[in-house]
Amino acid sequence: MELLLKNANIVTDKENYISDIYIADGIIKKIEKNIEIPNIKTIDIEGKYLIPGGIDVHTHFNIDVGIAKSVDDFYTGTVAAACGGTTTIIDHMGFGPKGCSLHHQLEKYHEFAEKNAVIDYSFHGVIQHIDNEILNEIDSMISDGIPSFKGYMTYDYKLSDKDMLKLSYKLSSSGGLLTVHPENNDIIDYLKNKFAAEGKLSPKYHRESRPSRCEGEAVNRMADITSVTDCPLYIVHLSCEEGLNHIKEAKDKGQKIFAETCPQYLVLDESCYSLPENEGLKYICSPPIREKHHQEKLWEGIREGYIQTVATDHCSFSFSEQKLMGKDDFRKCPNGLPGVETRVALMFSEGVSKGRIDINKFVEVVSTNPAKLFGIYPQKGCIAAGSDADLVVIDPKIRKKITKGELHENTDYTPFENIEIIGCPVMTISRGEIIVKDNKFIGQKGRGKFLKRKPFSY
């Protein structure tokens, strides 16, 4: 299959220029001005932006959280991702049976994704417990293309500081990357029980049970633990100034520490938890959405390079059936928000169009840095001869409001309803194939391929 893109305003993490692109067999073959090849499909980009396909390194498809199963699987979730300008996802696998091996979940998730995903994909290993068998299995997981591993500091399968130390020693010598959900479990447990005893069970107490210092303390603790082992550390879904300050301090000392934030923490604030008619339940996620002053600090962290990526933590539940389980008790509401489809548009609009970041930084955090950190660069995340032809066209002139009716995520709401965006994706190309045009998915189910990722070397 051949494709010629004409008059593209190409944007990478480092440069902008006008050129044509010739694509064959799913690969970028040539980038030059005035390419002329007769009798092949040709599209005039008409000066719109052409960026590397978006890479969302934090999704949760097909996940079972015990009280509910997410409504997006690897088909609906990747269709939504593609329609939003994302051409690659890396999914955080859910917990398996107690005591299971790492490969148990890997095999299960291969079954979920194969024949369903419409874009390319990979997975993060999830560490539920630490023993010699798990530590010895890490090398074979890395050989199988899974070099990043998730550890939780809260929830049922939380890891102790001792376990985190053992894990980070192993990863530091094996070419692995430790990704961590940082929250102080004891603080959360105490406050949730305290509020429940006081009859404080509305959605706003979800936020108050997980204060920003609870996250900041956990980030600082993990920075200290990995400083002992020299293990690269990746903090997921950073939401607050306190955590960012600890990351800055560690990074300025030369530590290998990296951070991701999410659109919900950049554009929403804690007032959402006080909405009437149980609407606050829609926004229950962990960490929670913070007070407004944290937003600008996170944007500043992006501009200064302390936050390398913007992902979504997409974990979708229906409002009408699943989220409303928490109407009388926030603790019974499943944690998670949809967002895989709105990430690229929100980051372009809130970041580039509103002048918070330049367009090269936008490409860096939604595509290039994710590819570099997670072992798929330069196959993904760049526009260069020899790279996969994963490309997205953005029309910067489009103005519209986000509405659930226009989205493909398999849930009954979006937390970003009625937010106006200025500029959004209008075409998605995956390995040289146009799979989305004007918000319509035109690709094939199961066309996505598993990406065997390289060991950490950022």
Protein backbone atom coordinates (compact mmCIF):
# COMPACT_ATOMS: atom_id res chain seq x y z
CA MET A 1 0.00 0.00 0.00
CA GLU A 2 1.34 3.43 -0.99
CA LEU A 3 0.27 6.88 0.17
CA LEU A 4 1.52 10.37 -0.64
CA LEU A 5 0.83 13.28 1.69
CA LYS A 6 1.29 16.71 0.12
CA ASN A 7 1.82 20.15 1.69
CA ALA A 8 2.01 18.98 5.28
CA ASN A 9 3.04 21.34 8.06
CA ILE A 10 5.21 18.73 9.77
CA VAL A 11 5.78 19.17 13.49
CA THR A 12 8.17 17.10 15.59
CA ASP A 13 9.48 17.63 19.11
CA LYS A 14 12.30 19.72 17.65
CA GLU A 15 11.23 21.37 14.40
CA ASN A 16 8.46 22.58 12.08
CA TYR A 17 8.64 22.55 8.29
CA ILE A 18 6.51 22.16 5.16
CA SER A 19 7.08 19.01 3.15
CA ASP A 20 5.56 16.00 1.40
CA ILE A 21 5.76 12.44 2.74
CA TYR A 22 5.85 9.24 0.71
CA ILE A 23 4.65 6.11 2.54
CA ALA A 24 4.88 2.48 1.42
CA ASP A 25 4.34 -0.80 3.27
CA GLY A 26 3.40 1.08 6.42
CA ILE A 27 6.76 2.87 6.62
CA ILE A 28 7.80 6.47 5.90
CA LYS A 29 10.04 6.14 2.85
CA LYS A 30 10.78 9.71 1.87
CA ILE A 31 10.28 13.24 3.26
CA GLU A 32 10.93 15.91 0.64
CA LYS A 33 9.29 18.88 -0.97
CA ASN A 34 7.48 18.43 -4.27
CA ILE A 35 7.37 14.64 -4.39
CA GLU A 36 5.50 13.48 -7.48
CA ILE A 37 4.54 9.82 -7.85
CA PRO A 38 1.79 8.99 -10.35
CA ASN A 39 -1.03 6.54 -9.78
CA ILE A 40 -0.95 6.33 -5.99
CA LYS A 41 -3.37 7.64 -3.40
CA THR A 42 -2.52 11.29 -2.73
CA ILE A 43 -3.89 13.54 -0.01
CA ASP A 44 -3.33 17.29 0.17
CA ILE A 45 -2.90 18.20 3.85
CA GLU A 46 -3.35 21.86 2.86
CA GLY A 47 -0.88 23.19 5.41
CA LYS A 48 -2.55 21.64 8.46
CA TYR A 49 -0.30 20.27 11.17
CA LEU A 50 1.02 16.74 10.75
CA ILE A 51 2.37 15.23 13.97
CA PRO A 52 3.65 11.78 14.99
CA GLY A 53 0.76 9.60 16.13
CA GLY A 54 -0.16 10.08 19.77
CA ILE A 55 1.10 7.50 22.30
CA ASP A 56 -0.93 6.97 25.47
CA VAL A 57 1.19 4.97 27.90
CA HIS A 58 -1.47 4.65 30.62
CA THR A 59 -4.76 2.97 29.80
CA HIS A 60 -6.88 0.32 31.55
CA PHE A 61 -8.93 -1.69 29.05
CA ASN A 62 -10.75 -4.90 30.03
CA ILE A 63 -9.97 -4.22 33.67
CA ASP A 64 -11.87 -5.77 36.58
CA VAL A 65 -11.50 -3.71 39.77
CA GLY A 66 -13.49 -6.12 41.93
CA ILE A 67 -16.67 -4.07 42.29
CA ALA A 68 -16.99 -3.39 38.54
CA LYS A 69 -15.55 -4.17 35.13
CA SER A 70 -14.57 -1.32 32.83
CA VAL A 71 -16.87 -0.75 29.87
CA ASP A 72 -14.06 -0.25 27.34
CA ASP A 73 -12.28 -3.31 26.01
CA PHE A 74 -9.40 -3.42 23.56
CA TYR A 75 -11.74 -2.85 20.62
CA THR A 76 -13.88 0.05 21.83
CA GLY A 77 -10.96 1.58 23.72
CA THR A 78 -8.58 1.56 20.78
CA VAL A 79 -11.26 2.82 18.38
CA ALA A 80 -11.77 5.77 20.73
CA ALA A 81 -8.02 6.28 20.97
CA ALA A 82 -7.66 6.29 17.19
CA CYS A 83 -10.51 8.76 16.75
CA GLY A 84 -8.72 11.06 19.19
CA GLY A 85 -5.36 10.97 17.40
CA THR A 86 -3.64 8.18 19.35
CA THR A 87 -1.97 5.42 17.34
CA THR A 88 -0.30 3.44 20.15
CA ILE A 89 -1.34 2.54 23.69
CA ILE A 90 0.49 0.80 26.51
CA ASP A 91 -2.00 -0.75 28.89
CA HIS A 92 -1.53 -1.27 32.62
CA MET A 93 -2.70 -4.84 33.12
CA GLY A 94 -5.19 -5.50 35.90
CA PHE A 95 -4.57 -7.71 38.91
CA GLY A 96 -4.76 -11.46 38.44
CA PRO A 97 -5.44 -14.23 40.98
CA LYS A 98 -3.52 -13.95 44.24
CA GLY A 99 -0.02 -15.35 43.87
CA CYS A 100 -0.14 -15.56 40.06
CA SER A 101 2.97 -15.25 37.89
CA LEU A 102 3.76 -12.20 35.78
CA HIS A 103 3.20 -14.20 32.60
CA HIS A 104 -0.28 -15.23 33.74
CA GLN A 105 -1.56 -11.69 33.23
CA LEU A 106 0.55 -11.15 30.13
CA GLU A 107 -1.02 -14.16 28.44
CA LYS A 108 -4.49 -13.04 29.47
CA TYR A 109 -3.97 -9.56 28.07
CA HIS A 110 -2.59 -10.89 24.82
CA GLU A 111 -5.91 -12.73 24.51
CA PHE A 112 -7.84 -9.52 25.25
CA ALA A 113 -5.97 -7.45 22.65
CA GLU A 114 -5.28 -9.88 19.82
CA LYS A 115 -7.98 -9.71 17.15
CA ASN A 116 -9.54 -6.70 18.91
CA ALA A 117 -7.10 -3.78 19.03
CA VAL A 118 -7.25 -1.44 16.04
CA ILE A 119 -3.96 0.34 16.82
CA ASP A 120 -0.58 -0.96 17.99
CA TYR A 121 -0.23 -1.80 21.65
CA SER A 122 1.89 -3.10 24.49
CA PHE A 123 1.49 -3.75 28.21
CA HIS A 124 3.14 -2.88 31.51
CA GLY A 125 3.88 -5.75 33.86
CA VAL A 126 1.99 -5.49 37.16
CA ILE A 127 3.70 -6.55 40.37
CA GLN A 128 1.18 -7.96 42.88
CA HIS A 129 3.71 -9.46 45.26
CA ILE A 130 7.45 -9.93 45.60
CA ASP A 131 9.24 -13.24 46.04
CA ASN A 132 12.19 -14.94 44.36
CA GLU A 133 10.00 -16.45 41.64
CA ILE A 134 8.63 -13.04 40.63
CA LEU A 135 12.09 -11.42 40.69
CA ASN A 136 13.52 -14.26 38.59
CA GLU A 137 10.66 -13.92 36.09
CA ILE A 138 11.41 -10.27 35.34
CA ASP A 139 14.27 -11.06 32.94
CA SER A 140 12.05 -13.27 30.79
CA MET A 141 9.32 -10.60 30.77
CA ILE A 142 11.86 -8.09 29.47
CA SER A 143 12.96 -10.61 26.83
CA ASP A 144 9.30 -10.91 25.84
CA GLY A 145 9.17 -7.15 25.21
CA ILE A 146 7.80 -5.93 28.55
CA PRO A 147 10.49 -3.72 30.17
CA SER A 148 8.25 -1.59 32.42
CA PHE A 149 6.61 -2.78 35.63
CA LYS A 150 3.91 -1.20 37.80
CA GLY A 151 3.99 -1.16 41.57
CA TYR A 152 1.15 0.20 43.71
CA MET A 153 1.64 1.89 47.08
CA THR A 154 -2.07 1.53 47.85
CA TYR A 155 -4.98 -0.84 47.04
CA ASP A 156 -5.15 -4.53 47.96
CA TYR A 157 -1.90 -5.51 46.26
CA LYS A 158 0.20 -2.63 47.58
CA LEU A 159 3.92 -3.22 47.89
CA SER A 160 5.84 -2.47 51.08
CA ASP A 161 8.91 -0.26 51.07
CA LYS A 162 11.04 -3.39 51.45
CA ASP A 163 9.38 -4.95 48.41
CA MET A 164 9.86 -1.76 46.40
CA LEU A 165 13.53 -1.81 47.34
CA LYS A 166 13.94 -5.44 46.20
CA LEU A 167 12.08 -4.72 42.97
CA SER A 168 14.05 -1.60 42.16
CA TYR A 169 17.37 -3.39 42.77
CA LYS A 170 16.30 -6.06 40.29
CA LEU A 171 15.09 -3.60 37.64
CA SER A 172 18.18 -1.42 37.92
CA SER A 173 20.34 -4.38 36.88
CA SER A 174 17.95 -5.81 34.26
CA GLY A 175 17.12 -2.86 32.02
CA GLY A 176 13.67 -2.36 33.48
CA LEU A 177 11.70 0.77 34.37
CA LEU A 178 9.74 0.98 37.63
CA THR A 179 6.41 2.79 37.30
CA VAL A 180 4.63 3.63 40.54
CA HIS A 181 1.18 4.69 41.71
CA PRO A 182 2.23 6.91 44.65
CA GLU A 183 -0.23 7.40 47.52
CA ASN A 184 0.23 6.81 51.24
CA ASN A 185 -2.10 3.89 51.96
CA ASP A 186 -2.24 4.40 55.74
CA ILE A 187 -3.37 8.01 55.39
CA ILE A 188 -6.08 7.00 52.91
CA ASP A 189 -7.29 4.11 55.05
CA TYR A 190 -7.47 6.24 58.19
CA LEU A 191 -9.27 9.15 56.57
CA LYS A 192 -11.79 6.99 54.71
CA ASN A 193 -12.77 5.25 57.93
CA LYS A 194 -12.86 8.54 59.83
CA PHE A 195 -15.18 10.19 57.30
CA ALA A 196 -17.41 7.12 57.17
CA ALA A 197 -17.78 7.12 60.96
CA GLU A 198 -18.77 10.79 60.78
CA GLY A 199 -21.34 10.13 58.04
CA LYS A 200 -19.31 12.08 55.48
CA LEU A 201 -19.86 9.92 52.41
CA SER A 202 -20.54 12.37 49.55
CA PRO A 203 -18.10 12.51 46.58
CA LYS A 204 -16.09 15.44 47.96
CA TYR A 205 -14.85 13.21 50.77
CA HIS A 206 -13.18 10.98 48.23
CA ARG A 207 -10.89 13.91 47.47
CA GLU A 208 -10.46 14.84 51.12
CA SER A 209 -9.50 11.26 52.00
CA ARG A 210 -6.60 11.44 49.53
CA PRO A 211 -4.97 14.85 50.22
CA SER A 212 -2.15 16.14 48.03
CA ARG A 213 0.42 15.61 50.80
CA CYS A 214 -0.56 11.94 50.81
CA GLU A 215 0.65 11.78 47.19
CA GLY A 216 3.66 14.03 47.78
CA GLU A 217 4.92 11.92 50.66
CA ALA A 218 4.70 8.76 48.58
CA VAL A 219 6.56 10.36 45.65
CA ASN A 220 9.31 11.47 48.01
CA ARG A 221 9.54 8.01 49.59
CA MET A 222 9.90 6.32 46.20
CA ALA A 223 12.51 8.86 45.11
CA ASP A 224 14.51 8.01 48.23
CA ILE A 225 14.14 4.25 47.73
CA THR A 226 15.24 4.32 44.08
CA SER A 227 18.11 6.69 44.85
CA VAL A 228 19.61 3.78 46.83
CA THR A 229 19.31 1.35 43.92
CA ASP A 230 19.85 3.71 40.95
CA CYS A 231 16.66 2.33 39.41
CA PRO A 232 14.87 4.55 36.88
CA LEU A 233 11.56 5.66 38.38
CA TYR A 234 8.44 6.77 36.50
CA ILE A 235 5.67 8.42 38.53
CA VAL A 236 2.23 7.85 37.00
CA HIS A 237 -0.67 10.35 37.02
CA LEU A 238 1.04 13.15 38.96
CA SER A 239 -1.67 15.49 40.22
CA CYS A 240 -0.14 17.92 42.71
CA GLU A 241 2.49 20.51 43.46
CA GLU A 242 3.91 18.60 46.43
CA GLY A 243 4.76 15.58 44.31
CA LEU A 244 6.21 17.77 41.58
CA ASN A 245 8.48 19.54 44.06
CA HIS A 246 9.96 16.23 45.21
CA ILE A 247 10.48 15.19 41.59
CA LYS A 248 12.27 18.48 40.86
CA GLU A 249 14.55 18.03 43.85
CA ALA A 250 15.47 14.47 42.88
CA LYS A 251 15.93 15.25 39.21
CA ASP A 252 18.08 18.28 39.91
CA LYS A 253 20.37 15.98 41.90
CA GLY A 254 20.80 13.81 38.81
CA GLN A 255 18.39 11.04 39.71
CA LYS A 256 16.67 9.06 36.93
CA ILE A 257 13.13 10.13 37.76
CA PHE A 258 10.35 10.82 35.26
CA ALA A 259 6.72 11.86 35.55
CA GLU A 260 3.42 11.69 33.76
CA THR A 261 0.33 13.81 34.32
CA CYS A 262 -3.16 13.59 32.81
CA PRO A 263 -5.58 16.08 31.21
CA GLN A 264 -8.01 15.85 34.14
CA TYR A 265 -5.38 17.34 36.44
CA LEU A 266 -4.57 20.10 33.96
CA VAL A 267 -8.09 21.32 33.16
CA LEU A 268 -10.48 20.24 35.94
CA ASP A 269 -10.59 21.26 39.61
CA GLU A 270 -12.08 20.03 42.88
CA SER A 271 -15.37 21.89 42.39
CA CYS A 272 -16.51 18.95 40.22
CA TYR A 273 -17.01 16.85 43.37
CA SER A 274 -19.71 19.22 44.65
CA LEU A 275 -21.92 19.07 41.56
CA PRO A 276 -25.63 18.25 42.25
CA GLU A 277 -27.59 15.11 41.31
CA ASN A 278 -24.69 12.78 42.14
CA GLU A 279 -22.71 14.27 39.25
CA GLY A 280 -19.63 14.41 41.47
CA LEU A 281 -19.36 10.63 41.23
CA LYS A 282 -18.36 10.95 37.58
CA TYR A 283 -15.03 12.45 38.67
CA ILE A 284 -13.97 9.91 41.28
CA CYS A 285 -10.48 8.78 40.35
CA SER A 286 -7.25 8.22 42.24
CA PRO A 287 -5.41 10.41 42.83
CA PRO A 288 -8.38 12.78 42.92
CA ILE A 289 -8.77 16.00 40.98
CA ARG A 290 -7.10 18.79 42.96
CA GLU A 291 -7.61 22.45 43.82
CA LYS A 292 -7.14 24.82 40.91
CA HIS A 293 -3.73 26.16 41.97
CA HIS A 294 -2.14 22.78 41.22
CA GLN A 295 -2.99 23.14 37.51
CA GLU A 296 -0.52 25.92 36.72
CA LYS A 297 2.22 24.18 38.68
CA LEU A 298 1.74 21.08 36.51
CA TRP A 299 1.80 23.14 33.30
CA GLU A 300 5.00 24.73 34.60
CA GLY A 301 6.42 21.25 35.23
CA ILE A 302 5.66 20.33 31.61
CA ARG A 303 7.30 23.49 30.26
CA GLU A 304 10.42 23.00 32.38
CA GLY A 305 10.80 19.31 31.50
CA TYR A 306 10.11 17.83 34.94
CA ILE A 307 6.95 16.19 33.57
CA GLN A 308 7.84 14.23 30.43
CA THR A 309 4.51 12.74 29.35
CA VAL A 310 0.77 13.32 29.35
CA ALA A 311 -1.26 10.09 29.45
CA THR A 312 -4.88 9.48 30.46
CA ASP A 313 -5.22 6.67 33.03
CA HIS A 314 -8.32 5.85 30.94
CA CYS A 315 -10.46 3.55 33.09
CA SER A 316 -14.08 3.90 32.03
CA PHE A 317 -17.21 3.00 33.97
CA SER A 318 -20.80 3.89 33.17
CA PHE A 319 -22.34 6.66 35.26
CA SER A 320 -25.90 5.33 35.16
CA GLU A 321 -25.07 1.87 36.49
CA GLN A 322 -21.54 1.64 37.87
CA LYS A 323 -20.60 5.08 39.20
CA LEU A 324 -24.00 5.45 40.87
CA MET A 325 -23.14 2.53 43.12
CA GLY A 326 -21.45 5.22 45.21
CA LYS A 327 -24.46 7.53 45.55
CA ASP A 328 -24.76 6.81 49.28
CA ASP A 329 -21.10 6.08 49.94
CA PHE A 330 -18.19 7.35 47.83
CA ARG A 331 -16.18 4.26 48.79
CA LYS A 332 -18.51 2.09 46.67
CA CYS A 333 -17.88 4.10 43.49
CA PRO A 334 -15.36 2.51 41.10
CA ASN A 335 -12.30 4.71 40.58
CA GLY A 336 -11.56 5.89 37.07
CA LEU A 337 -12.37 8.28 34.23
CA PRO A 338 -12.66 7.97 30.46
CA GLY A 339 -10.28 10.17 28.48
CA VAL A 340 -8.31 8.24 25.84
CA GLU A 341 -10.20 10.00 23.03
CA THR A 342 -9.93 13.59 24.28
CA ARG A 343 -6.24 13.72 25.32
CA VAL A 344 -4.65 15.02 22.11
CA ALA A 345 -7.34 17.64 21.46
CA LEU A 346 -7.30 18.89 25.05
CA MET A 347 -3.51 19.16 25.11
CA PHE A 348 -3.46 21.02 21.80
CA SER A 349 -6.27 23.36 22.79
CA GLU A 350 -5.38 23.99 26.45
CA GLY A 351 -1.66 23.88 25.79
CA VAL A 352 -0.82 25.18 22.32
CA SER A 353 -3.89 27.26 21.43
CA LYS A 354 -3.91 28.96 24.85
CA GLY A 355 -0.17 29.59 24.84
CA ARG A 356 0.81 27.44 27.82
CA ILE A 357 3.25 25.34 25.75
CA ASP A 358 4.62 25.55 22.24
CA ILE A 359 3.65 23.01 19.61
CA ASN A 360 6.98 21.17 19.80
CA LYS A 361 6.55 20.61 23.53
CA PHE A 362 3.04 19.34 22.75
CA VAL A 363 4.46 16.71 20.37
CA GLU A 364 7.15 15.85 22.90
CA VAL A 365 4.73 15.03 25.73
CA VAL A 366 1.95 13.31 23.74
CA SER A 367 4.17 11.25 21.44
CA THR A 368 7.96 11.48 21.39
CA ASN A 369 8.82 11.19 25.08
CA PRO A 370 6.40 8.29 25.61
CA ALA A 371 8.10 6.45 22.75
CA LYS A 372 11.58 7.12 24.10
CA LEU A 373 10.80 6.24 27.72
CA PHE A 374 8.99 3.02 26.90
CA GLY A 375 11.29 1.50 24.30
CA ILE A 376 9.54 2.06 20.96
CA TYR A 377 11.55 5.00 19.55
CA PRO A 378 12.29 5.64 16.67
CA GLN A 379 9.79 3.09 15.37
CA LYS A 380 7.13 5.29 16.94
CA GLY A 381 6.99 8.88 18.17
CA CYS A 382 8.81 10.60 15.33
CA ILE A 383 8.47 11.54 11.68
CA ALA A 384 11.52 10.17 9.90
CA ALA A 385 12.41 7.89 7.01
CA GLY A 386 12.29 4.31 8.28
CA SER A 387 9.80 4.97 11.08
CA ASP A 388 6.29 3.60 11.13
CA ALA A 389 3.86 5.85 9.26
CA ASP A 390 1.82 6.67 12.36
CA LEU A 391 0.64 10.21 11.69
CA VAL A 392 -2.13 12.55 12.77
CA VAL A 393 -3.49 15.62 10.99
CA ILE A 394 -4.58 18.46 13.27
CA ASP A 395 -6.71 21.34 12.07
CA PRO A 396 -5.86 24.27 14.36
CA LYS A 397 -8.84 26.33 13.22
CA ILE A 398 -11.63 24.03 14.37
CA ARG A 399 -13.59 25.35 17.36
CA LYS A 400 -16.14 23.13 19.03
CA LYS A 401 -17.27 21.83 22.38
CA ILE A 402 -16.53 18.33 23.61
CA THR A 403 -19.79 16.38 23.86
CA LYS A 404 -20.39 12.75 24.68
CA GLY A 405 -22.50 12.39 21.53
CA GLU A 406 -19.44 12.85 19.29
CA LEU A 407 -17.15 10.48 21.19
CA HIS A 408 -16.55 6.76 20.68
CA GLU A 409 -15.61 5.81 24.25
CA ASN A 410 -17.99 3.11 25.42
CA THR A 411 -19.43 4.96 28.39
CA ASP A 412 -22.37 7.28 28.95
CA TYR A 413 -20.49 10.46 29.88
CA THR A 414 -17.28 12.42 29.45
CA PRO A 415 -15.75 14.39 32.33
CA PHE A 416 -14.87 17.09 29.78
CA GLU A 417 -18.45 17.77 28.61
CA ASN A 418 -18.89 21.27 27.10
CA ILE A 419 -15.23 22.26 27.34
CA GLU A 420 -14.45 24.26 24.20
CA ILE A 421 -11.47 23.12 22.18
CA ILE A 422 -9.55 25.12 19.61
CA GLY A 423 -7.89 22.73 17.18
CA CYS A 424 -8.32 18.96 17.02
CA PRO A 425 -7.34 15.84 15.05
CA VAL A 426 -9.17 15.29 11.76
CA MET A 427 -7.28 12.29 10.37
CA THR A 428 -5.41 9.36 11.91
CA ILE A 429 -2.98 7.21 9.93
CA SER A 430 -1.66 3.98 11.46
CA ARG A 431 1.20 2.23 9.68
CA GLY A 432 0.30 4.02 6.46
CA GLU A 433 -3.41 3.21 6.60
CA ILE A 434 -6.03 5.91 7.10
CA ILE A 435 -8.14 4.54 9.94
CA VAL A 436 -9.98 7.71 11.01
CA LYS A 437 -11.23 10.57 8.88
CA ASP A 438 -13.42 13.42 10.14
CA ASN A 439 -14.21 11.58 13.39
CA LYS A 440 -15.29 8.36 11.66
CA PHE A 441 -13.43 5.12 12.27
CA ILE A 442 -12.83 3.37 8.95
CA GLY A 443 -10.22 0.78 9.96
CA GLN A 444 -10.55 -2.91 10.72
CA LYS A 445 -11.01 -4.66 14.05
CA GLY A 446 -7.87 -6.54 15.11
CA ARG A 447 -5.45 -4.70 12.82
CA GLY A 448 -3.34 -3.56 15.79
CA LYS A 449 -0.01 -5.28 16.45
CA PHE A 450 1.77 -6.09 19.69
CA LEU A 451 4.93 -4.04 20.15
CA LYS A 452 7.91 -5.86 21.61
CA ARG A 453 9.59 -3.02 23.46
CA LYS A 454 13.30 -2.50 24.10
CA PRO A 455 14.86 -2.39 27.59
CA PHE A 456 14.98 1.02 29.25
CA SER A 457 17.68 3.31 27.80
CA TYR A 458 16.19 6.84 27.84
